[in-house]
Amino acid sequence: MIFGRPTFMWKGAPTPEEFFKQFGFAEVHTMDVSPYQGASHIFDLNTAEPPADLIGKYRYVMSGGTLEHVFNVTNAVRTAVALLEPGGELSYSAPCNNWIDHGFYQLSPTFAFDYFTENGLEFMTSTATLQDRKTRDRLTVPLYPGESGMLGFQDKWVSYVAHLVRVPGSTYDKIPKQGVYQSMHDGAQRRFRFKSFLPVETIDGKPRVIPMKSFPLDTDKIKADSGGGYSHPFQSREHFPSLPGRPFRSKGVVYEDNLPLSWVVSVPEMVGERPGSFSHYKSWVHFSASDGSDPRENKRKYTIRFPEHPLLTSVWPQKAPAGPS
């Protein structure tokens, strides 16, 4: 299901139905408020309740560039989740900054983090794209809770995209409290897991992965943690670690041989819950091997790598401030 019926703007472009069938979908449906673009389902996303005959019917729902144009935006995002079958995937996107008068809203990533977490969906990738308003060049970076604030000071168009899975037990009708205040009120630390993502720069339409500075993890210094993961001491004045109040402050990605581990987690205790997880937390790198094996014995090389890009260091400074700390 696609919200809206997008038109691809190039000569000989396929219809959205033709385009998505190339990815293996047998049927592709579209939903819009009126039939003027030929949508297969006519439905007003402002409506309080999702269309009853479509609940739980879709393997994939794409809401790209629609939510900010719906006045009752919470009803629209609830419908997006309600249409998913168990195990179904949602592509969510929204403008965040410098899109004034593009739609009714510029939606903070916090809206997505707190609503989807409250309703039990599992995050996959979570990214922000900063687009130059003159050249249209783009930088796409991972974006996790607690790390969005500096995006408000950019002169770029900033948008947010998340890919999620409706896992068993997920709901769509729970109303979240803003997480930062909920944590203050109840004293509980929220836990997050995301697919690791390497920053990508697109110049003149050509993408490239941002270069990474690599630091080896010495097998002799790896120790087993009580929760089933492993840890290695790591300190760098140029690369900040994550902290209790900023669980994704570190921009480091742990690699196994030449491949990044799959999952970045908000607290070290989560590393042992799923193979291929990691966290650069305080003075340690916590991680688990991709297959759950012992990294001291599996004869693989582990490194932690940090992206090097001028805009990344201006958005999220990597060097420690001068003077006493």
C-alpha atoms as a PDB file:
ATOM      1  CA  MET A   1       0.000   0.000   0.000  1.00  0.00           C
ATOM      2  CA  ILE A   2       1.274   3.453  -0.989  1.00  0.00           C
ATOM      3  CA  PHE A   3      -0.201   6.577   0.578  1.00  0.00           C
ATOM      4  CA  GLY A   4      -0.923   8.841  -2.377  1.00  0.00           C
ATOM      5  CA  ARG A   5      -0.269   7.748  -5.935  1.00  0.00           C
ATOM      6  CA  PRO A   6       3.142   9.198  -6.837  1.00  0.00           C
ATOM      7  CA  THR A   7       4.103  10.180 -10.370  1.00  0.00           C
ATOM      8  CA  PHE A   8       7.680   9.444 -11.384  1.00  0.00           C
ATOM      9  CA  MET A   9       9.022  12.506 -13.166  1.00  0.00           C
ATOM     10  CA  TRP A  10      11.197  11.162 -15.953  1.00  0.00           C
ATOM     11  CA  LYS A  11      10.567  10.219 -19.554  1.00  0.00           C
ATOM     12  CA  GLY A  12       9.200   6.716 -19.916  1.00  0.00           C
ATOM     13  CA  ALA A  13       8.780   6.325 -16.136  1.00  0.00           C
ATOM     14  CA  PRO A  14       6.649   3.394 -14.947  1.00  0.00           C
ATOM     15  CA  THR A  15       3.477   3.751 -12.938  1.00  0.00           C
ATOM     16  CA  PRO A  16       3.920   3.211  -9.183  1.00  0.00           C
ATOM     17  CA  GLU A  17       2.237  -0.169  -9.591  1.00  0.00           C
ATOM     18  CA  GLU A  18       4.672  -1.212 -12.322  1.00  0.00           C
ATOM     19  CA  PHE A  19       7.635   0.104 -10.335  1.00  0.00           C
ATOM     20  CA  PHE A  20       6.919  -1.757  -7.118  1.00  0.00           C
ATOM     21  CA  LYS A  21       6.010  -5.008  -8.866  1.00  0.00           C
ATOM     22  CA  GLN A  22       9.641  -5.093  -9.995  1.00  0.00           C
ATOM     23  CA  PHE A  23      10.515  -5.696  -6.325  1.00  0.00           C
ATOM     24  CA  GLY A  24       8.384  -8.831  -6.130  1.00  0.00           C
ATOM     25  CA  PHE A  25       5.005  -7.487  -5.009  1.00  0.00           C
ATOM     26  CA  ALA A  26       2.156  -9.316  -6.745  1.00  0.00           C
ATOM     27  CA  GLU A  27      -0.313  -6.523  -6.030  1.00  0.00           C
ATOM     28  CA  VAL A  28       0.305  -2.815  -5.420  1.00  0.00           C
ATOM     29  CA  HIS A  29      -2.473  -0.635  -4.045  1.00  0.00           C
ATOM     30  CA  THR A  30      -2.609   3.122  -3.545  1.00  0.00           C
ATOM     31  CA  MET A  31      -4.705   5.254  -1.207  1.00  0.00           C
ATOM     32  CA  ASP A  32      -5.761   8.887  -1.597  1.00  0.00           C
ATOM     33  CA  VAL A  33      -8.489  11.258  -0.474  1.00  0.00           C
ATOM     34  CA  SER A  34      -9.955  11.566  -3.980  1.00  0.00           C
ATOM     35  CA  PRO A  35      -9.826   9.674  -7.295  1.00  0.00           C
ATOM     36  CA  TYR A  36      -8.115  12.460  -9.260  1.00  0.00           C
ATOM     37  CA  GLN A  37      -4.807  10.524  -9.624  1.00  0.00           C
ATOM     38  CA  GLY A  38      -6.386   7.101  -9.991  1.00  0.00           C
ATOM     39  CA  ALA A  39      -5.770   5.669  -6.512  1.00  0.00           C
ATOM     40  CA  SER A  40      -7.182   2.188  -5.972  1.00  0.00           C
ATOM     41  CA  HIS A  41      -8.599   3.038  -2.513  1.00  0.00           C
ATOM     42  CA  ILE A  42     -10.331   6.318  -1.691  1.00  0.00           C
ATOM     43  CA  PHE A  43      -9.967   7.125   1.995  1.00  0.00           C
ATOM     44  CA  ASP A  44      -9.461  10.310   4.027  1.00  0.00           C
ATOM     45  CA  LEU A  45      -6.478   9.754   6.325  1.00  0.00           C
ATOM     46  CA  ASN A  46      -7.942  12.367   8.681  1.00  0.00           C
ATOM     47  CA  THR A  47     -10.544   9.755   9.652  1.00  0.00           C
ATOM     48  CA  ALA A  48     -10.262   8.632  13.265  1.00  0.00           C
ATOM     49  CA  GLU A  49     -10.526   4.890  12.568  1.00  0.00           C
ATOM     50  CA  PRO A  50      -8.601   2.981   9.876  1.00  0.00           C
ATOM     51  CA  PRO A  51     -10.658   1.385   7.072  1.00  0.00           C
ATOM     52  CA  ALA A  52     -11.935  -1.806   8.705  1.00  0.00           C
ATOM     53  CA  ASP A  53     -11.721  -3.945   5.552  1.00  0.00           C
ATOM     54  CA  LEU A  54      -8.001  -3.184   5.091  1.00  0.00           C
ATOM     55  CA  ILE A  55      -6.689  -3.656   8.637  1.00  0.00           C
ATOM     56  CA  GLY A  56      -3.851  -6.195   8.730  1.00  0.00           C
ATOM     57  CA  LYS A  57      -3.936  -6.818   4.965  1.00  0.00           C
ATOM     58  CA  TYR A  58      -0.577  -5.479   3.761  1.00  0.00           C
ATOM     59  CA  ARG A  59       2.951  -6.783   3.750  1.00  0.00           C
ATOM     60  CA  TYR A  60       4.386  -3.308   3.143  1.00  0.00           C
ATOM     61  CA  VAL A  61       3.052   0.220   3.653  1.00  0.00           C
ATOM     62  CA  MET A  62       4.859   3.250   2.253  1.00  0.00           C
ATOM     63  CA  SER A  63       4.120   6.689   3.649  1.00  0.00           C
ATOM     64  CA  GLY A  64       6.567   8.913   1.809  1.00  0.00           C
ATOM     65  CA  GLY A  65       5.774  12.620   1.746  1.00  0.00           C
ATOM     66  CA  THR A  66       2.137  12.275   2.821  1.00  0.00           C
ATOM     67  CA  LEU A  67       1.789  12.621   6.593  1.00  0.00           C
ATOM     68  CA  GLU A  68       2.741  16.301   6.765  1.00  0.00           C
ATOM     69  CA  HIS A  69      -0.165  17.142   4.418  1.00  0.00           C
ATOM     70  CA  VAL A  70      -2.801  15.488   6.646  1.00  0.00           C
ATOM     71  CA  PHE A  71      -4.205  17.768   9.355  1.00  0.00           C
ATOM     72  CA  ASN A  72      -5.005  14.910  11.745  1.00  0.00           C
ATOM     73  CA  VAL A  73      -1.541  13.468  11.325  1.00  0.00           C
ATOM     74  CA  THR A  74      -1.870  11.074  14.270  1.00  0.00           C
ATOM     75  CA  ASN A  75      -4.851   9.394  12.587  1.00  0.00           C
ATOM     76  CA  ALA A  76      -2.819   8.987   9.410  1.00  0.00           C
ATOM     77  CA  VAL A  77       0.152   7.323  11.088  1.00  0.00           C
ATOM     78  CA  ARG A  78      -2.180   5.038  13.076  1.00  0.00           C
ATOM     79  CA  THR A  79      -3.769   3.917   9.816  1.00  0.00           C
ATOM     80  CA  ALA A  80      -0.332   3.225   8.308  1.00  0.00           C
ATOM     81  CA  VAL A  81       0.457   0.793  11.122  1.00  0.00           C
ATOM     82  CA  ALA A  82      -3.043  -0.702  11.280  1.00  0.00           C
ATOM     83  CA  LEU A  83      -2.872  -1.802   7.633  1.00  0.00           C
ATOM     84  CA  LEU A  84       0.222  -3.954   8.261  1.00  0.00           C
ATOM     85  CA  GLU A  85      -0.005  -7.697   8.635  1.00  0.00           C
ATOM     86  CA  PRO A  86       2.099  -9.292  11.410  1.00  0.00           C
ATOM     87  CA  GLY A  87       5.691  -9.065  10.213  1.00  0.00           C
ATOM     88  CA  GLY A  88       4.738  -6.341   7.731  1.00  0.00           C
ATOM     89  CA  GLU A  89       7.084  -3.436   7.093  1.00  0.00           C
ATOM     90  CA  LEU A  90       6.458   0.312   7.189  1.00  0.00           C
ATOM     91  CA  SER A  91       8.451   2.999   5.415  1.00  0.00           C
ATOM     92  CA  TYR A  92       7.856   6.271   7.278  1.00  0.00           C
ATOM     93  CA  SER A  93       9.207   9.649   6.183  1.00  0.00           C
ATOM     94  CA  ALA A  94       8.558  13.251   7.144  1.00  0.00           C
ATOM     95  CA  PRO A  95      10.163  16.699   6.788  1.00  0.00           C
ATOM     96  CA  CYS A  96      11.952  17.948   9.909  1.00  0.00           C
ATOM     97  CA  ASN A  97      13.397  21.387   9.248  1.00  0.00           C
ATOM     98  CA  ASN A  98      13.469  24.222   6.669  1.00  0.00           C
ATOM     99  CA  TRP A  99      10.366  22.899   4.898  1.00  0.00           C
ATOM    100  CA  ILE A 100       8.166  25.804   5.995  1.00  0.00           C
ATOM    101  CA  ASP A 101       4.789  25.848   4.198  1.00  0.00           C
ATOM    102  CA  HIS A 102       5.560  22.578   2.451  1.00  0.00           C
ATOM    103  CA  GLY A 103       2.713  21.043   4.457  1.00  0.00           C
ATOM    104  CA  PHE A 104       0.864  21.506   7.732  1.00  0.00           C
ATOM    105  CA  TYR A 105       3.776  20.186   9.793  1.00  0.00           C
ATOM    106  CA  GLN A 106       7.492  19.630  10.128  1.00  0.00           C
ATOM    107  CA  LEU A 107       7.618  16.498  12.269  1.00  0.00           C
ATOM    108  CA  SER A 108      10.315  15.965  14.858  1.00  0.00           C
ATOM    109  CA  PRO A 109      11.941  12.507  14.804  1.00  0.00           C
ATOM    110  CA  THR A 110      10.781  12.291  18.420  1.00  0.00           C
ATOM    111  CA  PHE A 111       7.239  11.885  17.078  1.00  0.00           C
ATOM    112  CA  ALA A 112       8.311   8.664  15.362  1.00  0.00           C
ATOM    113  CA  PHE A 113      10.608   7.369  18.120  1.00  0.00           C
ATOM    114  CA  ASP A 114       7.967   7.707  20.827  1.00  0.00           C
ATOM    115  CA  TYR A 115       4.841   6.640  18.898  1.00  0.00           C
ATOM    116  CA  PHE A 116       6.386   3.530  17.330  1.00  0.00           C
ATOM    117  CA  THR A 117       8.176   2.541  20.555  1.00  0.00           C
ATOM    118  CA  GLU A 118       4.983   2.911  22.604  1.00  0.00           C
ATOM    119  CA  ASN A 119       3.172   0.635  20.152  1.00  0.00           C
ATOM    120  CA  GLY A 120       5.886  -2.014  20.114  1.00  0.00           C
ATOM    121  CA  LEU A 121       7.107  -1.815  16.513  1.00  0.00           C
ATOM    122  CA  GLU A 122      10.713  -2.757  15.858  1.00  0.00           C
ATOM    123  CA  PHE A 123      12.930  -0.154  14.244  1.00  0.00           C
ATOM    124  CA  MET A 124      15.178  -1.151  11.401  1.00  0.00           C
ATOM    125  CA  THR A 125      17.045   1.780   9.797  1.00  0.00           C
ATOM    126  CA  SER A 126      16.586   5.320  11.107  1.00  0.00           C
ATOM    127  CA  THR A 127      18.161   8.125   9.082  1.00  0.00           C
ATOM    128  CA  ALA A 128      18.193  11.872   8.495  1.00  0.00           C
ATOM    129  CA  THR A 129      18.938  13.406   5.101  1.00  0.00           C
ATOM    130  CA  LEU A 130      20.410  16.891   4.822  1.00  0.00           C
ATOM    131  CA  GLN A 131      19.864  18.268   1.318  1.00  0.00           C
ATOM    132  CA  ASP A 132      21.520  21.398  -0.081  1.00  0.00           C
ATOM    133  CA  ARG A 133      18.816  23.777  -1.265  1.00  0.00           C
ATOM    134  CA  LYS A 134      20.880  24.947  -4.284  1.00  0.00           C
ATOM    135  CA  THR A 135      22.816  21.936  -5.527  1.00  0.00           C
ATOM    136  CA  ARG A 136      20.378  19.255  -4.206  1.00  0.00           C
ATOM    137  CA  ASP A 137      23.422  17.286  -2.993  1.00  0.00           C
ATOM    138  CA  ARG A 138      22.560  15.124   0.016  1.00  0.00           C
ATOM    139  CA  LEU A 139      24.143  13.639   3.100  1.00  0.00           C
ATOM    140  CA  THR A 140      22.243  10.755   4.733  1.00  0.00           C
ATOM    141  CA  VAL A 141      23.281   9.831   8.268  1.00  0.00           C
ATOM    142  CA  PRO A 142      21.999   7.493  10.985  1.00  0.00           C
ATOM    143  CA  LEU A 143      19.717   9.288  13.434  1.00  0.00           C
ATOM    144  CA  TYR A 144      18.865   7.903  16.850  1.00  0.00           C
ATOM    145  CA  PRO A 145      17.073   9.218  19.975  1.00  0.00           C
ATOM    146  CA  GLY A 146      18.824  12.089  21.711  1.00  0.00           C
ATOM    147  CA  GLU A 147      20.865  13.081  18.637  1.00  0.00           C
ATOM    148  CA  SER A 148      18.440  15.224  16.639  1.00  0.00           C
ATOM    149  CA  GLY A 149      18.854  18.632  18.274  1.00  0.00           C
ATOM    150  CA  MET A 150      21.722  19.973  16.168  1.00  0.00           C
ATOM    151  CA  LEU A 151      19.774  19.365  12.952  1.00  0.00           C
ATOM    152  CA  GLY A 152      17.721  22.457  13.750  1.00  0.00           C
ATOM    153  CA  PHE A 153      20.751  24.688  13.180  1.00  0.00           C
ATOM    154  CA  GLN A 154      21.441  23.546   9.621  1.00  0.00           C
ATOM    155  CA  ASP A 155      20.703  25.598   6.491  1.00  0.00           C
ATOM    156  CA  LYS A 156      19.768  22.375   4.648  1.00  0.00           C
ATOM    157  CA  TRP A 157      16.431  20.756   3.991  1.00  0.00           C
ATOM    158  CA  VAL A 158      16.272  18.085   6.674  1.00  0.00           C
ATOM    159  CA  SER A 159      14.018  15.034   6.446  1.00  0.00           C
ATOM    160  CA  TYR A 160      13.702  11.868   8.488  1.00  0.00           C
ATOM    161  CA  VAL A 161      13.093   8.292   7.303  1.00  0.00           C
ATOM    162  CA  ALA A 162      12.502   5.156   9.363  1.00  0.00           C
ATOM    163  CA  HIS A 163      11.857   1.558   8.336  1.00  0.00           C
ATOM    164  CA  LEU A 164       9.942  -0.511  10.872  1.00  0.00           C
ATOM    165  CA  VAL A 165       8.464  -3.980  11.360  1.00  0.00           C
ATOM    166  CA  ARG A 166       5.140  -4.756  13.004  1.00  0.00           C
ATOM    167  CA  VAL A 167       6.249  -7.601  15.275  1.00  0.00           C
ATOM    168  CA  PRO A 168       3.860  -9.867  17.235  1.00  0.00           C
ATOM    169  CA  GLY A 169       2.157  -7.890  19.985  1.00  0.00           C
ATOM    170  CA  SER A 170       2.468  -4.552  18.176  1.00  0.00           C
ATOM    171  CA  THR A 171      -0.449  -2.145  18.406  1.00  0.00           C
ATOM    172  CA  TYR A 172      -1.384   1.058  16.637  1.00  0.00           C
ATOM    173  CA  ASP A 173      -3.700   2.872  19.031  1.00  0.00           C
ATOM    174  CA  LYS A 174      -1.550   3.590  22.092  1.00  0.00           C
ATOM    175  CA  ILE A 175      -0.898   7.290  22.712  1.00  0.00           C
ATOM    176  CA  PRO A 176       2.714   7.993  23.755  1.00  0.00           C
ATOM    177  CA  LYS A 177       4.042  10.505  26.229  1.00  0.00           C
ATOM    178  CA  GLN A 178       7.164  12.307  25.066  1.00  0.00           C
ATOM    179  CA  GLY A 179       9.868   9.846  26.016  1.00  0.00           C
ATOM    180  CA  VAL A 180      12.337  12.239  27.606  1.00  0.00           C
ATOM    181  CA  TYR A 181       9.692  13.384  30.091  1.00  0.00           C
ATOM    182  CA  GLN A 182       8.256   9.920  30.627  1.00  0.00           C
ATOM    183  CA  SER A 183      11.738   8.778  31.664  1.00  0.00           C
ATOM    184  CA  MET A 184      11.936  11.658  34.143  1.00  0.00           C
ATOM    185  CA  HIS A 185       8.517  10.804  35.588  1.00  0.00           C
ATOM    186  CA  ASP A 186       8.839   7.043  35.939  1.00  0.00           C
ATOM    187  CA  GLY A 187      12.630   6.712  36.234  1.00  0.00           C
ATOM    188  CA  ALA A 188      12.735   3.957  33.600  1.00  0.00           C
ATOM    189  CA  GLN A 189      15.386   3.898  30.898  1.00  0.00           C
ATOM    190  CA  ARG A 190      13.954   3.257  27.451  1.00  0.00           C
ATOM    191  CA  ARG A 191      15.769   0.680  25.329  1.00  0.00           C
ATOM    192  CA  PHE A 192      16.348   1.048  21.599  1.00  0.00           C
ATOM    193  CA  ARG A 193      17.838  -1.176  18.897  1.00  0.00           C
ATOM    194  CA  PHE A 194      18.491  -0.024  15.321  1.00  0.00           C
ATOM    195  CA  LYS A 195      20.087  -1.481  12.217  1.00  0.00           C
ATOM    196  CA  SER A 196      23.528   0.066  11.882  1.00  0.00           C
ATOM    197  CA  PHE A 197      23.819   2.489   8.961  1.00  0.00           C
ATOM    198  CA  LEU A 198      26.871   3.978   7.259  1.00  0.00           C
ATOM    199  CA  PRO A 199      26.624   7.672   6.245  1.00  0.00           C
ATOM    200  CA  VAL A 200      26.191   8.201   2.501  1.00  0.00           C
ATOM    201  CA  GLU A 201      26.900  11.354   0.511  1.00  0.00           C
ATOM    202  CA  THR A 202      25.234  11.930  -2.866  1.00  0.00           C
ATOM    203  CA  ILE A 203      26.978  14.467  -5.130  1.00  0.00           C
ATOM    204  CA  ASP A 204      25.611  15.149  -8.631  1.00  0.00           C
ATOM    205  CA  GLY A 205      23.410  12.093  -8.250  1.00  0.00           C
ATOM    206  CA  LYS A 206      26.325   9.756  -7.450  1.00  0.00           C
ATOM    207  CA  PRO A 207      26.330   8.144  -3.977  1.00  0.00           C
ATOM    208  CA  ARG A 208      29.447   7.258  -1.998  1.00  0.00           C
ATOM    209  CA  VAL A 209      29.937   5.844   1.490  1.00  0.00           C
ATOM    210  CA  ILE A 210      31.754   8.276   3.778  1.00  0.00           C
ATOM    211  CA  PRO A 211      35.372   7.292   4.601  1.00  0.00           C
ATOM    212  CA  MET A 212      35.861   5.823   8.076  1.00  0.00           C
ATOM    213  CA  LYS A 213      38.770   6.113  10.518  1.00  0.00           C
ATOM    214  CA  SER A 214      39.509   2.681  11.936  1.00  0.00           C
ATOM    215  CA  PHE A 215      40.793   1.594  15.365  1.00  0.00           C
ATOM    216  CA  PRO A 216      41.660  -2.098  15.891  1.00  0.00           C
ATOM    217  CA  LEU A 217      40.287  -4.075  18.827  1.00  0.00           C
ATOM    218  CA  ASP A 218      43.011  -6.307  20.259  1.00  0.00           C
ATOM    219  CA  THR A 219      41.885  -9.910  20.808  1.00  0.00           C
ATOM    220  CA  ASP A 220      43.998 -10.116  23.980  1.00  0.00           C
ATOM    221  CA  LYS A 221      42.051  -7.210  25.528  1.00  0.00           C
ATOM    222  CA  ILE A 222      38.554  -8.577  24.837  1.00  0.00           C
ATOM    223  CA  LYS A 223      36.740  -9.848  27.906  1.00  0.00           C
ATOM    224  CA  ALA A 224      33.426 -11.646  28.360  1.00  0.00           C
ATOM    225  CA  ASP A 225      30.535  -9.701  29.914  1.00  0.00           C
ATOM    226  CA  SER A 226      27.959 -11.256  32.215  1.00  0.00           C
ATOM    227  CA  GLY A 227      25.101 -10.583  29.758  1.00  0.00           C
ATOM    228  CA  GLY A 228      26.492 -12.757  26.966  1.00  0.00           C
ATOM    229  CA  GLY A 229      28.401 -10.075  25.079  1.00  0.00           C
ATOM    230  CA  TYR A 230      32.046  -9.014  25.071  1.00  0.00           C
ATOM    231  CA  SER A 231      33.859  -5.762  25.723  1.00  0.00           C
ATOM    232  CA  HIS A 232      37.106  -4.027  24.839  1.00  0.00           C
ATOM    233  CA  PRO A 233      38.525  -0.858  26.442  1.00  0.00           C
ATOM    234  CA  PHE A 234      38.486   2.166  24.150  1.00  0.00           C
ATOM    235  CA  GLN A 235      39.104   5.864  24.754  1.00  0.00           C
ATOM    236  CA  SER A 236      39.679   8.660  22.249  1.00  0.00           C
ATOM    237  CA  ARG A 237      39.672  12.415  22.780  1.00  0.00           C
ATOM    238  CA  GLU A 238      38.499  12.834  19.197  1.00  0.00           C
ATOM    239  CA  HIS A 239      35.547  10.449  19.312  1.00  0.00           C
ATOM    240  CA  PHE A 240      32.967  10.837  22.049  1.00  0.00           C
ATOM    241  CA  PRO A 241      31.441   7.772  23.691  1.00  0.00           C
ATOM    242  CA  SER A 242      27.774   7.218  24.413  1.00  0.00           C
ATOM    243  CA  LEU A 243      26.567   8.134  27.907  1.00  0.00           C
ATOM    244  CA  PRO A 244      23.495   7.365  30.060  1.00  0.00           C
ATOM    245  CA  GLY A 245      21.714  10.556  28.977  1.00  0.00           C
ATOM    246  CA  ARG A 246      22.883  10.235  25.354  1.00  0.00           C
ATOM    247  CA  PRO A 247      22.879   6.519  24.536  1.00  0.00           C
ATOM    248  CA  PHE A 248      23.717   7.105  20.846  1.00  0.00           C
ATOM    249  CA  ARG A 249      26.227   9.916  21.234  1.00  0.00           C
ATOM    250  CA  SER A 250      29.029   7.803  19.749  1.00  0.00           C
ATOM    251  CA  LYS A 251      29.161   7.661  15.960  1.00  0.00           C
ATOM    252  CA  GLY A 252      31.343   4.568  16.025  1.00  0.00           C
ATOM    253  CA  VAL A 253      30.421   1.399  14.117  1.00  0.00           C
ATOM    254  CA  VAL A 254      31.957  -1.948  15.063  1.00  0.00           C
ATOM    255  CA  TYR A 255      33.189  -4.063  12.146  1.00  0.00           C
ATOM    256  CA  GLU A 256      33.769  -7.819  11.969  1.00  0.00           C
ATOM    257  CA  ASP A 257      36.491  -8.288   9.371  1.00  0.00           C
ATOM    258  CA  ASN A 258      35.301  -5.808   6.698  1.00  0.00           C
ATOM    259  CA  LEU A 259      31.581  -5.854   7.423  1.00  0.00           C
ATOM    260  CA  PRO A 260      29.735  -3.703   9.978  1.00  0.00           C
ATOM    261  CA  LEU A 261      27.886  -5.520  12.724  1.00  0.00           C
ATOM    262  CA  SER A 262      24.127  -5.330  12.248  1.00  0.00           C
ATOM    263  CA  TRP A 263      22.674  -3.729  15.374  1.00  0.00           C
ATOM    264  CA  VAL A 264      23.512  -0.637  17.420  1.00  0.00           C
ATOM    265  CA  VAL A 265      21.895  -0.668  20.873  1.00  0.00           C
ATOM    266  CA  SER A 266      21.222   1.973  23.505  1.00  0.00           C
ATOM    267  CA  VAL A 267      22.622   0.136  26.551  1.00  0.00           C
ATOM    268  CA  PRO A 268      25.473  -2.400  26.795  1.00  0.00           C
ATOM    269  CA  GLU A 269      23.199  -4.945  28.479  1.00  0.00           C
ATOM    270  CA  MET A 270      21.363  -5.390  25.161  1.00  0.00           C
ATOM    271  CA  VAL A 271      24.469  -6.562  23.278  1.00  0.00           C
ATOM    272  CA  GLY A 272      24.034 -10.188  24.339  1.00  0.00           C
ATOM    273  CA  GLU A 273      20.351 -10.282  23.344  1.00  0.00           C
ATOM    274  CA  ARG A 274      21.021 -10.536  19.622  1.00  0.00           C
ATOM    275  CA  PRO A 275      24.175 -11.583  17.710  1.00  0.00           C
ATOM    276  CA  GLY A 276      25.910  -8.795  15.814  1.00  0.00           C
ATOM    277  CA  SER A 277      25.058  -6.018  18.295  1.00  0.00           C
ATOM    278  CA  PHE A 278      27.347  -3.265  19.572  1.00  0.00           C
ATOM    279  CA  SER A 279      27.563  -0.156  21.734  1.00  0.00           C
ATOM    280  CA  HIS A 280      30.449   2.296  22.283  1.00  0.00           C
ATOM    281  CA  TYR A 281      29.562   3.229  25.847  1.00  0.00           C
ATOM    282  CA  LYS A 282      31.708   5.255  28.238  1.00  0.00           C
ATOM    283  CA  SER A 283      35.242   3.774  28.073  1.00  0.00           C
ATOM    284  CA  TRP A 284      34.307   0.470  26.435  1.00  0.00           C
ATOM    285  CA  VAL A 285      33.251  -1.048  23.146  1.00  0.00           C
ATOM    286  CA  HIS A 286      30.613  -3.698  23.837  1.00  0.00           C
ATOM    287  CA  PHE A 287      29.763  -6.161  21.051  1.00  0.00           C
ATOM    288  CA  SER A 288      28.746  -9.670  20.079  1.00  0.00           C
ATOM    289  CA  ALA A 289      29.927 -11.646  17.049  1.00  0.00           C
ATOM    290  CA  SER A 290      27.600 -11.878  14.056  1.00  0.00           C
ATOM    291  CA  ASP A 291      27.013 -15.593  14.712  1.00  0.00           C
ATOM    292  CA  GLY A 292      27.195 -15.451  18.498  1.00  0.00           C
ATOM    293  CA  SER A 293      30.643 -17.065  18.624  1.00  0.00           C
ATOM    294  CA  ASP A 294      33.440 -16.042  20.990  1.00  0.00           C
ATOM    295  CA  PRO A 295      35.381 -13.162  19.317  1.00  0.00           C
ATOM    296  CA  ARG A 296      38.499 -14.246  21.196  1.00  0.00           C
ATOM    297  CA  GLU A 297      38.467 -17.575  19.382  1.00  0.00           C
ATOM    298  CA  ASN A 298      36.725 -17.144  15.998  1.00  0.00           C
ATOM    299  CA  LYS A 299      39.860 -15.723  14.306  1.00  0.00           C
ATOM    300  CA  ARG A 300      38.033 -12.638  12.981  1.00  0.00           C
ATOM    301  CA  LYS A 301      39.342  -9.086  13.176  1.00  0.00           C
ATOM    302  CA  TYR A 302      37.264  -6.470  14.987  1.00  0.00           C
ATOM    303  CA  THR A 303      37.574  -2.716  14.626  1.00  0.00           C
ATOM    304  CA  ILE A 304      35.582   0.342  15.611  1.00  0.00           C
ATOM    305  CA  ARG A 305      35.320   2.927  12.830  1.00  0.00           C
ATOM    306  CA  PHE A 306      34.179   6.549  12.812  1.00  0.00           C
ATOM    307  CA  PRO A 307      32.923   8.506   9.764  1.00  0.00           C
ATOM    308  CA  GLU A 308      35.041  11.455   8.606  1.00  0.00           C
ATOM    309  CA  HIS A 309      33.104  14.257   6.929  1.00  0.00           C
ATOM    310  CA  PRO A 310      33.177  18.063   7.559  1.00  0.00           C
ATOM    311  CA  LEU A 311      29.404  18.343   7.873  1.00  0.00           C
ATOM    312  CA  LEU A 312      29.232  15.432  10.299  1.00  0.00           C
ATOM    313  CA  THR A 313      31.726  17.073  12.643  1.00  0.00           C
ATOM    314  CA  SER A 314      29.832  20.379  12.435  1.00  0.00           C
ATOM    315  CA  VAL A 315      26.502  18.697  13.228  1.00  0.00           C
ATOM    316  CA  TRP A 316      27.859  16.301  15.847  1.00  0.00           C
ATOM    317  CA  PRO A 317      31.291  17.582  16.999  1.00  0.00           C
ATOM    318  CA  GLN A 318      33.729  14.717  17.481  1.00  0.00           C
ATOM    319  CA  LYS A 319      36.568  16.476  19.295  1.00  0.00           C
ATOM    320  CA  ALA A 320      36.444  17.084  23.003  1.00  0.00           C
ATOM    321  CA  PRO A 321      36.286  20.794  23.986  1.00  0.00           C
ATOM    322  CA  ALA A 322      39.502  22.459  25.136  1.00  0.00           C
ATOM    323  CA  GLY A 323      40.073  23.077  28.818  1.00  0.00           C
ATOM    324  CA  PRO A 324      39.124  21.112  31.916  1.00  0.00           C
ATOM    325  CA  SER A 325      36.190  18.723  31.721  1.00  0.00           C
END
